[in-house]
């Protein structure tokens, strides 16, 4: 029986990548939730500011912003793309 506290290799890789992105760009932001989405394969970290940092199957992180007006999720491949989007929203 699998230990419920253990991670698969790709989950662990993804988790390390989202924590590195958090440390690099959001270290003072409150973490609302951290987990694994069994439907999408994403390891994710949801932040108080509405941004989610995610990694699917140990790949590079993606930044996800939920547009609460349209309920649409917007995906960004880099922090710079996210910054540009957020700057244009203000």
PDB file of N, CA and C in Angstrom:
ATOM      1  N   UNK A   1       0.838  -1.181   0.000  1.00  0.00           N
ATOM      2  CA  UNK A   1       0.000   0.000   0.000  1.00  0.00           C
ATOM      3  C   UNK A   1       0.884   1.245   0.000  1.00  0.00           C
ATOM      4  N   UNK A   2       0.527   2.220  -0.840  1.00  0.00           N
ATOM      5  CA  UNK A   2       1.305   3.448  -0.961  1.00  0.00           C
ATOM      6  C   UNK A   2       1.125   4.314   0.286  1.00  0.00           C
ATOM      7  N   UNK A   3       2.214   4.829   0.773  1.00  0.00           N
ATOM      8  CA  UNK A   3       2.189   5.759   1.887  1.00  0.00           C
ATOM      9  C   UNK A   3       1.516   7.053   1.413  1.00  0.00           C
ATOM     10  N   UNK A   4       0.473   7.492   2.065  1.00  0.00           N
ATOM     11  CA  UNK A   4      -0.267   8.692   1.667  1.00  0.00           C
ATOM     12  C   UNK A   4       0.550   9.968   1.819  1.00  0.00           C
ATOM     13  N   UNK A   5       1.659   9.905   2.534  1.00  0.00           N
ATOM     14  CA  UNK A   5       2.509  11.075   2.716  1.00  0.00           C
ATOM     15  C   UNK A   5       3.666  11.122   1.721  1.00  0.00           C
ATOM     16  N   UNK A   6       3.756  10.141   0.840  1.00  0.00           N
ATOM     17  CA  UNK A   6       4.844  10.142  -0.127  1.00  0.00           C
ATOM     18  C   UNK A   6       4.370  10.754  -1.440  1.00  0.00           C
ATOM     19  N   UNK A   7       5.329  11.244  -2.218  1.00  0.00           N
ATOM     20  CA  UNK A   7       5.027  11.869  -3.508  1.00  0.00           C
ATOM     21  C   UNK A   7       5.640  11.052  -4.628  1.00  0.00           C
ATOM     22  N   UNK A   8       4.963  11.022  -5.742  1.00  0.00           N
ATOM     23  CA  UNK A   8       5.547  10.433  -6.936  1.00  0.00           C
ATOM     24  C   UNK A   8       6.674  11.360  -7.400  1.00  0.00           C
ATOM     25  N   UNK A   9       7.587  10.834  -8.184  1.00  0.00           N
ATOM     26  CA  UNK A   9       8.751  11.599  -8.643  1.00  0.00           C
ATOM     27  C   UNK A   9       8.339  12.920  -9.308  1.00  0.00           C
ATOM     28  N   UNK A  10       7.410  12.871 -10.278  1.00  0.00           N
ATOM     29  CA  UNK A  10       7.030  14.085 -11.001  1.00  0.00           C
ATOM     30  C   UNK A  10       6.277  15.073 -10.114  1.00  0.00           C
ATOM     31  N   UNK A  11       5.519  14.575  -9.167  1.00  0.00           N
ATOM     32  CA  UNK A  11       4.859  15.463  -8.207  1.00  0.00           C
ATOM     33  C   UNK A  11       5.913  16.208  -7.388  1.00  0.00           C
ATOM     34  N   UNK A  12       6.926  15.488  -6.935  1.00  0.00           N
ATOM     35  CA  UNK A  12       7.997  16.099  -6.143  1.00  0.00           C
ATOM     36  C   UNK A  12       8.756  17.137  -6.966  1.00  0.00           C
ATOM     37  N   UNK A  13       9.033  16.827  -8.226  1.00  0.00           N
ATOM     38  CA  UNK A  13       9.724  17.791  -9.109  1.00  0.00           C
ATOM     39  C   UNK A  13       8.876  19.048  -9.267  1.00  0.00           C
ATOM     40  N   UNK A  14       7.590  18.864  -9.526  1.00  0.00           N
ATOM     41  CA  UNK A  14       6.689  20.006  -9.691  1.00  0.00           C
ATOM     42  C   UNK A  14       6.592  20.833  -8.426  1.00  0.00           C
ATOM     43  N   UNK A  15       6.510  20.163  -7.292  1.00  0.00           N
ATOM     44  CA  UNK A  15       6.416  20.854  -6.008  1.00  0.00           C
ATOM     45  C   UNK A  15       7.659  21.706  -5.764  1.00  0.00           C
ATOM     46  N   UNK A  16       8.822  21.169  -6.092  1.00  0.00           N
ATOM     47  CA  UNK A  16      10.056  21.945  -5.893  1.00  0.00           C
ATOM     48  C   UNK A  16      10.064  23.166  -6.810  1.00  0.00           C
ATOM     49  N   UNK A  17       9.547  23.023  -8.013  1.00  0.00           N
ATOM     50  CA  UNK A  17       9.519  24.156  -8.951  1.00  0.00           C
ATOM     51  C   UNK A  17       8.551  25.235  -8.503  1.00  0.00           C
ATOM     52  N   UNK A  18       7.378  24.855  -7.985  1.00  0.00           N
ATOM     53  CA  UNK A  18       6.453  25.897  -7.534  1.00  0.00           C
ATOM     54  C   UNK A  18       6.981  26.596  -6.278  1.00  0.00           C
ATOM     55  N   UNK A  19       7.664  25.858  -5.402  1.00  0.00           N
ATOM     56  CA  UNK A  19       8.240  26.493  -4.218  1.00  0.00           C
ATOM     57  C   UNK A  19       9.374  27.441  -4.595  1.00  0.00           C
ATOM     58  N   UNK A  20      10.169  27.078  -5.608  1.00  0.00           N
ATOM     59  CA  UNK A  20      11.227  27.985  -6.074  1.00  0.00           C
ATOM     60  C   UNK A  20      10.622  29.255  -6.659  1.00  0.00           C
ATOM     61  N   UNK A  21       9.557  29.119  -7.454  1.00  0.00           N
ATOM     62  CA  UNK A  21       8.887  30.291  -8.034  1.00  0.00           C
ATOM     63  C   UNK A  21       8.291  31.159  -6.929  1.00  0.00           C
ATOM     64  N   UNK A  22       7.719  30.520  -5.924  1.00  0.00           N
ATOM     65  CA  UNK A  22       7.169  31.262  -4.788  1.00  0.00           C
ATOM     66  C   UNK A  22       8.282  32.052  -4.095  1.00  0.00           C
ATOM     67  N   UNK A  23       9.401  31.401  -3.808  1.00  0.00           N
ATOM     68  CA  UNK A  23      10.520  32.069  -3.135  1.00  0.00           C
ATOM     69  C   UNK A  23      11.067  33.220  -3.969  1.00  0.00           C
ATOM     70  N   UNK A  24      11.145  33.040  -5.282  1.00  0.00           N
ATOM     71  CA  UNK A  24      11.708  34.063  -6.163  1.00  0.00           C
ATOM     72  C   UNK A  24      10.798  35.277  -6.345  1.00  0.00           C
ATOM     73  N   UNK A  25       9.475  35.066  -6.355  1.00  0.00           N
ATOM     74  CA  UNK A  25       8.568  36.144  -6.756  1.00  0.00           C
ATOM     75  C   UNK A  25       7.476  36.511  -5.754  1.00  0.00           C
ATOM     76  N   UNK A  26       7.158  35.633  -4.820  1.00  0.00           N
ATOM     77  CA  UNK A  26       5.995  35.870  -3.967  1.00  0.00           C
ATOM     78  C   UNK A  26       6.241  35.568  -2.488  1.00  0.00           C
ATOM     79  N   UNK A  27       7.471  35.595  -2.032  1.00  0.00           N
ATOM     80  CA  UNK A  27       7.817  35.098  -0.703  1.00  0.00           C
ATOM     81  C   UNK A  27       7.010  35.717   0.436  1.00  0.00           C
ATOM     82  N   UNK A  28       6.495  36.914   0.291  1.00  0.00           N
ATOM     83  CA  UNK A  28       5.732  37.527   1.385  1.00  0.00           C
ATOM     84  C   UNK A  28       4.227  37.321   1.231  1.00  0.00           C
ATOM     85  N   UNK A  29       3.805  36.695   0.145  1.00  0.00           N
ATOM     86  CA  UNK A  29       2.376  36.487  -0.122  1.00  0.00           C
ATOM     87  C   UNK A  29       1.852  35.275   0.645  1.00  0.00           C
ATOM     88  N   UNK A  30       0.672  35.412   1.214  1.00  0.00           N
ATOM     89  CA  UNK A  30       0.079  34.311   1.975  1.00  0.00           C
ATOM     90  C   UNK A  30      -0.364  33.174   1.055  1.00  0.00           C
ATOM     91  N   UNK A  31      -0.047  31.953   1.456  1.00  0.00           N
ATOM     92  CA  UNK A  31      -0.457  30.756   0.719  1.00  0.00           C
ATOM     93  C   UNK A  31      -1.827  30.340   1.232  1.00  0.00           C
ATOM     94  N   UNK A  32      -2.789  30.248   0.316  1.00  0.00           N
ATOM     95  CA  UNK A  32      -4.154  29.877   0.677  1.00  0.00           C
ATOM     96  C   UNK A  32      -4.316  28.364   0.648  1.00  0.00           C
ATOM     97  N   UNK A  33      -3.734  27.745  -0.367  1.00  0.00           N
ATOM     98  CA  UNK A  33      -3.885  26.298  -0.526  1.00  0.00           C
ATOM     99  C   UNK A  33      -2.729  25.760  -1.351  1.00  0.00           C
ATOM    100  N   UNK A  34      -2.346  24.553  -1.052  1.00  0.00           N
ATOM    101  CA  UNK A  34      -1.320  23.854  -1.825  1.00  0.00           C
ATOM    102  C   UNK A  34      -1.831  22.436  -2.026  1.00  0.00           C
ATOM    103  N   UNK A  35      -1.649  21.916  -3.246  1.00  0.00           N
ATOM    104  CA  UNK A  35      -2.157  20.572  -3.453  1.00  0.00           C
ATOM    105  C   UNK A  35      -1.847  19.989  -4.808  1.00  0.00           C
ATOM    106  N   UNK A  36      -2.565  18.926  -5.119  1.00  0.00           N
ATOM    107  CA  UNK A  36      -2.415  18.202  -6.371  1.00  0.00           C
ATOM    108  C   UNK A  36      -3.803  17.998  -6.958  1.00  0.00           C
ATOM    109  N   UNK A  37      -3.988  18.413  -8.205  1.00  0.00           N
ATOM    110  CA  UNK A  37      -5.269  18.245  -8.890  1.00  0.00           C
ATOM    111  C   UNK A  37      -5.213  16.948  -9.689  1.00  0.00           C
ATOM    112  N   UNK A  38      -5.951  15.943  -9.255  1.00  0.00           N
ATOM    113  CA  UNK A  38      -5.911  14.632  -9.918  1.00  0.00           C
ATOM    114  C   UNK A  38      -6.501  14.683 -11.318  1.00  0.00           C
ATOM    115  N   UNK A  39      -7.362  15.658 -11.605  1.00  0.00           N
ATOM    116  CA  UNK A  39      -7.966  15.772 -12.937  1.00  0.00           C
ATOM    117  C   UNK A  39      -7.007  16.358 -13.972  1.00  0.00           C
ATOM    118  N   UNK A  40      -6.202  17.338 -13.556  1.00  0.00           N
ATOM    119  CA  UNK A  40      -5.303  18.011 -14.498  1.00  0.00           C
ATOM    120  C   UNK A  40      -3.862  17.526 -14.408  1.00  0.00           C
ATOM    121  N   UNK A  41      -3.491  16.925 -13.289  1.00  0.00           N
ATOM    122  CA  UNK A  41      -2.107  16.526 -13.076  1.00  0.00           C
ATOM    123  C   UNK A  41      -1.239  17.649 -12.551  1.00  0.00           C
ATOM    124  N   UNK A  42      -1.841  18.791 -12.226  1.00  0.00           N
ATOM    125  CA  UNK A  42      -1.092  19.939 -11.722  1.00  0.00           C
ATOM    126  C   UNK A  42      -0.827  19.830 -10.232  1.00  0.00           C
ATOM    127  N   UNK A  43       0.410  20.105  -9.847  1.00  0.00           N
ATOM    128  CA  UNK A  43       0.753  20.431  -8.474  1.00  0.00           C
ATOM    129  C   UNK A  43       0.625  21.947  -8.422  1.00  0.00           C
ATOM    130  N   UNK A  44      -0.033  22.477  -7.397  1.00  0.00           N
ATOM    131  CA  UNK A  44      -0.297  23.907  -7.401  1.00  0.00           C
ATOM    132  C   UNK A  44      -0.178  24.530  -6.025  1.00  0.00           C
ATOM    133  N   UNK A  45      -0.029  25.865  -6.055  1.00  0.00           N
ATOM    134  CA  UNK A  45      -0.030  26.677  -4.854  1.00  0.00           C
ATOM    135  C   UNK A  45      -0.883  27.905  -5.154  1.00  0.00           C
ATOM    136  N   UNK A  46      -1.995  28.040  -4.450  1.00  0.00           N
ATOM    137  CA  UNK A  46      -2.880  29.189  -4.621  1.00  0.00           C
ATOM    138  C   UNK A  46      -2.504  30.253  -3.599  1.00  0.00           C
ATOM    139  N   UNK A  47      -2.360  31.479  -4.070  1.00  0.00           N
ATOM    140  CA  UNK A  47      -1.933  32.578  -3.215  1.00  0.00           C
ATOM    141  C   UNK A  47      -3.083  33.525  -2.914  1.00  0.00           C
ATOM    142  N   UNK A  48      -2.960  34.244  -1.825  1.00  0.00           N
ATOM    143  CA  UNK A  48      -3.975  35.200  -1.387  1.00  0.00           C
ATOM    144  C   UNK A  48      -4.261  36.266  -2.451  1.00  0.00           C
ATOM    145  N   UNK A  49      -3.260  36.605  -3.259  1.00  0.00           N
ATOM    146  CA  UNK A  49      -3.423  37.652  -4.270  1.00  0.00           C
ATOM    147  C   UNK A  49      -4.171  37.170  -5.517  1.00  0.00           C
ATOM    148  N   UNK A  50      -4.643  35.921  -5.520  1.00  0.00           N
ATOM    149  CA  UNK A  50      -5.418  35.404  -6.647  1.00  0.00           C
ATOM    150  C   UNK A  50      -4.594  34.712  -7.717  1.00  0.00           C
ATOM    151  N   UNK A  51      -3.297  34.629  -7.527  1.00  0.00           N
ATOM    152  CA  UNK A  51      -2.414  33.966  -8.487  1.00  0.00           C
ATOM    153  C   UNK A  51      -2.171  32.544  -8.012  1.00  0.00           C
ATOM    154  N   UNK A  52      -2.180  31.614  -8.960  1.00  0.00           N
ATOM    155  CA  UNK A  52      -1.833  30.229  -8.662  1.00  0.00           C
ATOM    156  C   UNK A  52      -0.562  29.885  -9.417  1.00  0.00           C
ATOM    157  N   UNK A  53       0.375  29.272  -8.730  1.00  0.00           N
ATOM    158  CA  UNK A  53       1.605  28.774  -9.345  1.00  0.00           C
ATOM    159  C   UNK A  53       1.405  27.277  -9.516  1.00  0.00           C
ATOM    160  N   UNK A  54       1.643  26.764 -10.729  1.00  0.00           N
ATOM    161  CA  UNK A  54       1.366  25.351 -10.980  1.00  0.00           C
ATOM    162  C   UNK A  54       2.441  24.727 -11.861  1.00  0.00           C
ATOM    163  N   UNK A  55       2.552  23.410 -11.740  1.00  0.00           N
ATOM    164  CA  UNK A  55       3.455  22.630 -12.581  1.00  0.00           C
ATOM    165  C   UNK A  55       2.788  21.293 -12.868  1.00  0.00           C
ATOM    166  N   UNK A  56       2.699  20.951 -14.129  1.00  0.00           N
ATOM    167  CA  UNK A  56       2.119  19.667 -14.513  1.00  0.00           C
ATOM    168  C   UNK A  56       3.240  18.695 -14.854  1.00  0.00           C
ATOM    169  N   UNK A  57       3.230  17.556 -14.205  1.00  0.00           N
ATOM    170  CA  UNK A  57       4.162  16.471 -14.495  1.00  0.00           C
ATOM    171  C   UNK A  57       5.622  16.901 -14.408  1.00  0.00           C
ATOM    172  N   UNK A  58       5.932  17.797 -13.458  1.00  0.00           N
ATOM    173  CA  UNK A  58       7.304  18.220 -13.222  1.00  0.00           C
ATOM    174  C   UNK A  58       7.858  19.206 -14.236  1.00  0.00           C
ATOM    175  N   UNK A  59       6.998  19.731 -15.104  1.00  0.00           N
ATOM    176  CA  UNK A  59       7.429  20.701 -16.114  1.00  0.00           C
ATOM    177  C   UNK A  59       7.611  22.079 -15.484  1.00  0.00           C
ATOM    178  N   UNK A  60       8.081  23.043 -16.294  1.00  0.00           N
ATOM    179  CA  UNK A  60       8.254  24.412 -15.822  1.00  0.00           C
ATOM    180  C   UNK A  60       6.937  24.941 -15.269  1.00  0.00           C
ATOM    181  N   UNK A  61       7.036  25.909 -14.356  1.00  0.00           N
ATOM    182  CA  UNK A  61       5.832  26.442 -13.746  1.00  0.00           C
ATOM    183  C   UNK A  61       5.033  27.292 -14.718  1.00  0.00           C
ATOM    184  N   UNK A  62       3.753  27.340 -14.447  1.00  0.00           N
ATOM    185  CA  UNK A  62       2.841  28.250 -15.112  1.00  0.00           C
ATOM    186  C   UNK A  62       2.201  29.084 -14.018  1.00  0.00           C
ATOM    187  N   UNK A  63       1.861  30.312 -14.373  1.00  0.00           N
ATOM    188  CA  UNK A  63       1.164  31.204 -13.456  1.00  0.00           C
ATOM    189  C   UNK A  63      -0.256  31.324 -13.978  1.00  0.00           C
ATOM    190  N   UNK A  64      -1.218  31.141 -13.091  1.00  0.00           N
ATOM    191  CA  UNK A  64      -2.617  31.137 -13.487  1.00  0.00           C
ATOM    192  C   UNK A  64      -3.341  32.237 -12.720  1.00  0.00           C
ATOM    193  N   UNK A  65      -4.101  33.042 -13.463  1.00  0.00           N
ATOM    194  CA  UNK A  65      -4.913  34.093 -12.860  1.00  0.00           C
ATOM    195  C   UNK A  65      -6.354  33.815 -13.234  1.00  0.00           C
ATOM    196  N   UNK A  66      -7.229  33.835 -12.229  1.00  0.00           N
ATOM    197  CA  UNK A  66      -8.652  33.641 -12.482  1.00  0.00           C
ATOM    198  C   UNK A  66      -9.317  35.004 -12.607  1.00  0.00           C
ATOM    199  N   UNK A  67      -9.950  35.253 -13.762  1.00  0.00           N
ATOM    200  CA  UNK A  67     -10.714  36.470 -13.967  1.00  0.00           C
ATOM    201  C   UNK A  67     -12.084  36.235 -13.335  1.00  0.00           C
ATOM    202  N   UNK A  68     -12.334  36.851 -12.196  1.00  0.00           N
ATOM    203  CA  UNK A  68     -13.555  36.588 -11.449  1.00  0.00           C
ATOM    204  C   UNK A  68     -14.801  37.127 -12.138  1.00  0.00           C
ATOM    205  N   UNK A  69     -14.631  38.092 -13.047  1.00  0.00           N
ATOM    206  CA  UNK A  69     -15.786  38.624 -13.791  1.00  0.00           C
ATOM    207  C   UNK A  69     -16.276  37.633 -14.837  1.00  0.00           C
ATOM    208  N   UNK A  70     -15.343  36.960 -15.520  1.00  0.00           N
ATOM    209  CA  UNK A  70     -15.721  36.027 -16.588  1.00  0.00           C
ATOM    210  C   UNK A  70     -15.555  34.571 -16.167  1.00  0.00           C
ATOM    211  N   UNK A  71     -14.944  34.344 -15.007  1.00  0.00           N
ATOM    212  CA  UNK A  71     -14.614  33.017 -14.504  1.00  0.00           C
ATOM    213  C   UNK A  71     -13.668  32.263 -15.446  1.00  0.00           C
ATOM    214  N   UNK A  72     -12.909  33.022 -16.231  1.00  0.00           N
ATOM    215  CA  UNK A  72     -11.925  32.457 -17.161  1.00  0.00           C
ATOM    216  C   UNK A  72     -10.557  32.425 -16.495  1.00  0.00           C
ATOM    217  N   UNK A  73      -9.837  31.331 -16.720  1.00  0.00           N
ATOM    218  CA  UNK A  73      -8.469  31.227 -16.238  1.00  0.00           C
ATOM    219  C   UNK A  73      -7.515  31.656 -17.336  1.00  0.00           C
ATOM    220  N   UNK A  74      -6.541  32.464 -16.972  1.00  0.00           N
ATOM    221  CA  UNK A  74      -5.509  32.910 -17.911  1.00  0.00           C
ATOM    222  C   UNK A  74      -4.191  32.294 -17.471  1.00  0.00           C
ATOM    223  N   UNK A  75      -3.482  31.676 -18.427  1.00  0.00           N
ATOM    224  CA  UNK A  75      -2.232  30.962 -18.151  1.00  0.00           C
ATOM    225  C   UNK A  75      -1.056  31.750 -18.714  1.00  0.00           C
ATOM    226  N   UNK A  76       0.026  31.819 -17.935  1.00  0.00           N
ATOM    227  CA  UNK A  76       1.237  32.526 -18.345  1.00  0.00           C
ATOM    228  C   UNK A  76       2.435  31.609 -18.147  1.00  0.00           C
ATOM    229  N   UNK A  77       3.287  31.543 -19.167  1.00  0.00           N
ATOM    230  CA  UNK A  77       4.448  30.655 -19.136  1.00  0.00           C
ATOM    231  C   UNK A  77       5.625  31.222 -18.361  1.00  0.00           C
ATOM    232  N   UNK A  78       5.618  32.530 -18.121  1.00  0.00           N
ATOM    233  CA  UNK A  78       6.741  33.133 -17.405  1.00  0.00           C
ATOM    234  C   UNK A  78       6.232  34.205 -16.449  1.00  0.00           C
ATOM    235  N   UNK A  79       7.054  34.522 -15.477  1.00  0.00           N
ATOM    236  CA  UNK A  79       6.711  35.575 -14.532  1.00  0.00           C
ATOM    237  C   UNK A  79       6.633  36.921 -15.250  1.00  0.00           C
ATOM    238  N   UNK A  80       7.469  37.119 -16.248  1.00  0.00           N
ATOM    239  CA  UNK A  80       7.468  38.370 -17.004  1.00  0.00           C
ATOM    240  C   UNK A  80       6.143  38.556 -17.742  1.00  0.00           C
ATOM    241  N   UNK A  81       5.609  37.482 -18.336  1.00  0.00           N
ATOM    242  CA  UNK A  81       4.300  37.564 -19.004  1.00  0.00           C
ATOM    243  C   UNK A  81       3.209  37.910 -17.995  1.00  0.00           C
ATOM    244  N   UNK A  82       3.282  37.308 -16.828  1.00  0.00           N
ATOM    245  CA  UNK A  82       2.317  37.590 -15.771  1.00  0.00           C
ATOM    246  C   UNK A  82       2.401  39.052 -15.354  1.00  0.00           C
ATOM    247  N   UNK A  83       3.616  39.542 -15.148  1.00  0.00           N
ATOM    248  CA  UNK A  83       3.810  40.943 -14.752  1.00  0.00           C
ATOM    249  C   UNK A  83       3.220  41.899 -15.778  1.00  0.00           C
ATOM    250  N   UNK A  84       3.467  41.627 -17.051  1.00  0.00           N
ATOM    251  CA  UNK A  84       2.932  42.475 -18.118  1.00  0.00           C
ATOM    252  C   UNK A  84       1.410  42.490 -18.075  1.00  0.00           C
ATOM    253  N   UNK A  85       0.816  41.330 -17.935  1.00  0.00           N
ATOM    254  CA  UNK A  85      -0.644  41.221 -17.850  1.00  0.00           C
ATOM    255  C   UNK A  85      -1.172  42.018 -16.666  1.00  0.00           C
ATOM    256  N   UNK A  86      -0.573  41.836 -15.497  1.00  0.00           N
ATOM    257  CA  UNK A  86      -1.049  42.526 -14.295  1.00  0.00           C
ATOM    258  C   UNK A  86      -0.865  44.032 -14.413  1.00  0.00           C
ATOM    259  N   UNK A  87       0.228  44.479 -15.020  1.00  0.00           N
ATOM    260  CA  UNK A  87       0.460  45.910 -15.216  1.00  0.00           C
ATOM    261  C   UNK A  87      -0.605  46.500 -16.122  1.00  0.00           C
ATOM    262  N   UNK A  88      -0.976  45.779 -17.169  1.00  0.00           N
ATOM    263  CA  UNK A  88      -1.990  46.267 -18.105  1.00  0.00           C
ATOM    264  C   UNK A  88      -3.391  46.242 -17.508  1.00  0.00           C
ATOM    265  N   UNK A  89      -3.611  45.461 -16.466  1.00  0.00           N
ATOM    266  CA  UNK A  89      -4.916  45.402 -15.810  1.00  0.00           C
ATOM    267  C   UNK A  89      -5.147  46.619 -14.907  1.00  0.00           C
ATOM    268  N   UNK A  90      -4.066  47.245 -14.484  1.00  0.00           N
ATOM    269  CA  UNK A  90      -4.189  48.404 -13.562  1.00  0.00           C
ATOM    270  C   UNK A  90      -4.245  49.704 -14.287  1.00  0.00           C
TER     271      UNK A  90
END
